[in-house]
């Protein structure tokens, strides 16, 4: 059984993101843009997933979501994403943006592709030299 709880201790979640090849920088660890952070843990308190909801230039953003490989396809990512979507709704969000490396998962959750010019330039992908070379992320939006 997986437990999902909100946390103010972002460091373990950010380390999980890095371990799962999500690019983060030190500024994001203390970013005033982070609104909420959730962690997914096993009954033994092993961190297996995380999700961050941020707010930047008037837009709500999923600034990271990852689940450890053995726990993927278990419903953990969907549960984490649902927490963030519900919180964004409570905060009055009309839409949520994200950059997806697994776009099919997000399409199944109702997200649609948008152009790179639609959301604010919040994601590191905008300036990453790997974008379009080794990494092919997609910008997506969920209308609430």
Protein backbone atom coordinates (compact mmCIF):
# COMPACT_ATOMS: atom_id res chain seq x y z
CA UNK A 1 0.00 0.00 0.00
CA UNK A 2 1.24 3.48 -0.90
CA UNK A 3 0.71 6.53 1.32
CA UNK A 4 0.55 9.99 -0.24
CA UNK A 5 1.11 12.98 2.02
CA UNK A 6 1.92 16.62 1.57
CA UNK A 7 5.40 17.59 2.76
CA UNK A 8 7.41 20.75 3.35
CA UNK A 9 10.64 18.74 3.17
CA UNK A 10 11.31 19.22 -0.55
CA UNK A 11 14.89 17.91 -0.57
CA UNK A 12 14.10 14.15 -0.64
CA UNK A 13 11.51 14.71 -3.39
CA UNK A 14 13.96 16.79 -5.43
CA UNK A 15 16.60 14.07 -5.00
CA UNK A 16 14.07 11.53 -6.26
CA UNK A 17 13.43 13.76 -9.28
CA UNK A 18 17.16 13.93 -10.03
CA UNK A 19 17.52 10.17 -9.61
CA UNK A 20 14.74 9.73 -12.18
CA UNK A 21 16.42 12.08 -14.67
CA UNK A 22 14.25 15.14 -14.09
CA UNK A 23 16.50 18.14 -14.35
CA UNK A 24 16.39 20.39 -11.30
CA UNK A 25 18.68 23.09 -10.06
CA UNK A 26 19.48 24.34 -6.57
CA UNK A 27 17.28 27.42 -6.99
CA UNK A 28 14.24 25.18 -7.25
CA UNK A 29 14.89 23.79 -3.77
CA UNK A 30 14.20 27.20 -2.24
CA UNK A 31 11.90 28.57 -4.91
CA UNK A 32 9.10 30.81 -3.68
CA UNK A 33 7.16 29.47 -6.67
CA UNK A 34 6.60 26.08 -4.99
CA UNK A 35 3.11 25.98 -3.54
CA UNK A 36 2.74 22.33 -2.53
CA UNK A 37 4.79 19.15 -2.58
CA UNK A 38 3.56 15.58 -2.15
CA UNK A 39 5.47 12.41 -1.46
CA UNK A 40 4.44 8.82 -2.04
CA UNK A 41 5.85 6.26 0.39
CA UNK A 42 5.50 2.56 1.00
CA UNK A 43 4.25 1.25 4.35
CA UNK A 44 7.94 1.00 5.28
CA UNK A 45 8.34 4.76 4.63
CA UNK A 46 10.40 4.24 1.47
CA UNK A 47 10.03 7.29 -0.77
CA UNK A 48 8.84 6.05 -4.18
CA UNK A 49 7.30 9.14 -5.77
CA UNK A 50 6.75 12.86 -5.60
CA UNK A 51 4.95 15.76 -7.21
CA UNK A 52 5.36 19.53 -6.98
CA UNK A 53 2.77 22.20 -7.76
CA UNK A 54 4.20 25.65 -8.47
CA UNK A 55 2.82 29.07 -9.44
CA UNK A 56 4.71 31.32 -11.85
CA UNK A 57 3.65 34.42 -13.77
CA UNK A 58 -0.02 33.79 -12.97
CA UNK A 59 -0.03 30.13 -14.03
CA UNK A 60 -0.15 26.85 -12.13
CA UNK A 61 2.54 24.36 -13.10
CA UNK A 62 3.39 20.77 -12.30
CA UNK A 63 7.09 21.38 -11.70
CA UNK A 64 7.97 17.75 -11.31
CA UNK A 65 6.35 14.37 -10.94
CA UNK A 66 8.20 11.08 -10.76
CA UNK A 67 7.71 7.54 -9.51
CA UNK A 68 10.48 5.00 -9.00
CA UNK A 69 10.63 2.37 -11.77
CA UNK A 70 9.35 -0.66 -9.80
CA UNK A 71 6.23 1.32 -8.75
CA UNK A 72 5.27 2.74 -12.13
CA UNK A 73 1.92 1.60 -13.51
CA UNK A 74 0.72 1.06 -9.93
CA UNK A 75 -1.53 4.14 -9.89
CA UNK A 76 0.94 6.14 -7.78
CA UNK A 77 1.65 8.80 -10.41
CA UNK A 78 -2.05 9.23 -11.09
CA UNK A 79 -2.75 9.60 -7.36
CA UNK A 80 0.03 12.20 -7.01
CA UNK A 81 -1.20 14.11 -10.05
CA UNK A 82 -4.77 14.05 -8.74
CA UNK A 83 -3.58 15.64 -5.50
CA UNK A 84 -1.95 18.48 -7.44
CA UNK A 85 -4.92 18.98 -9.77
CA UNK A 86 -7.37 19.06 -6.88
CA UNK A 87 -5.23 21.56 -4.96
CA UNK A 88 -4.92 23.77 -8.05
CA UNK A 89 -8.72 23.70 -8.43
CA UNK A 90 -9.11 24.71 -4.76
CA UNK A 91 -6.75 27.61 -5.41
CA UNK A 92 -8.86 28.79 -8.34
CA UNK A 93 -6.69 27.57 -11.22
CA UNK A 94 -8.27 27.55 -14.67
CA UNK A 95 -5.49 25.45 -16.19
CA UNK A 96 -2.26 23.64 -15.30
CA UNK A 97 0.88 23.39 -17.45
CA UNK A 98 3.67 20.82 -17.44
CA UNK A 99 6.53 19.57 -19.57
CA UNK A 100 6.11 15.86 -20.18
CA UNK A 101 8.71 13.25 -20.91
CA UNK A 102 5.93 10.64 -20.71
CA UNK A 103 3.20 12.45 -22.65
CA UNK A 104 0.96 9.40 -23.13
CA UNK A 105 0.43 9.14 -19.37
CA UNK A 106 -0.63 12.79 -19.20
CA UNK A 107 -2.89 12.51 -22.26
CA UNK A 108 -4.76 9.73 -20.43
CA UNK A 109 -5.26 12.21 -17.57
CA UNK A 110 -6.78 14.82 -19.91
CA UNK A 111 -3.73 16.95 -20.74
CA UNK A 112 -3.32 18.25 -24.29
CA UNK A 113 -0.25 19.43 -26.19
CA UNK A 114 0.32 23.15 -26.56
CA UNK A 115 3.10 25.21 -28.11
CA UNK A 116 6.24 26.13 -26.20
CA UNK A 117 5.16 29.78 -26.33
CA UNK A 118 1.87 29.29 -24.43
CA UNK A 119 3.02 28.73 -20.82
CA UNK A 120 5.42 31.04 -18.99
CA UNK A 121 9.11 30.18 -19.52
CA UNK A 122 9.35 28.44 -16.15
CA UNK A 123 10.79 25.08 -17.11
CA UNK A 124 14.53 24.44 -17.52
CA UNK A 125 13.69 22.76 -20.83
CA UNK A 126 13.45 26.16 -22.49
CA UNK A 127 17.19 26.69 -22.26
CA UNK A 128 18.44 23.10 -22.12
CA UNK A 129 20.84 22.22 -24.96
CA UNK A 130 19.58 18.60 -24.90
CA UNK A 131 16.04 19.67 -25.90
CA UNK A 132 15.42 18.42 -29.41
CA UNK A 133 18.78 16.61 -29.42
CA UNK A 134 18.66 13.86 -26.79
CA UNK A 135 15.43 14.78 -25.03
CA UNK A 136 12.07 15.43 -26.65
CA UNK A 137 9.69 16.75 -23.99
CA UNK A 138 6.22 18.00 -24.81
CA UNK A 139 4.50 21.03 -23.28
CA UNK A 140 1.02 20.14 -22.12
CA UNK A 141 -1.96 21.82 -20.48
CA UNK A 142 -4.99 20.62 -18.55
CA UNK A 143 -8.00 22.90 -18.64
CA UNK A 144 -9.87 22.71 -15.33
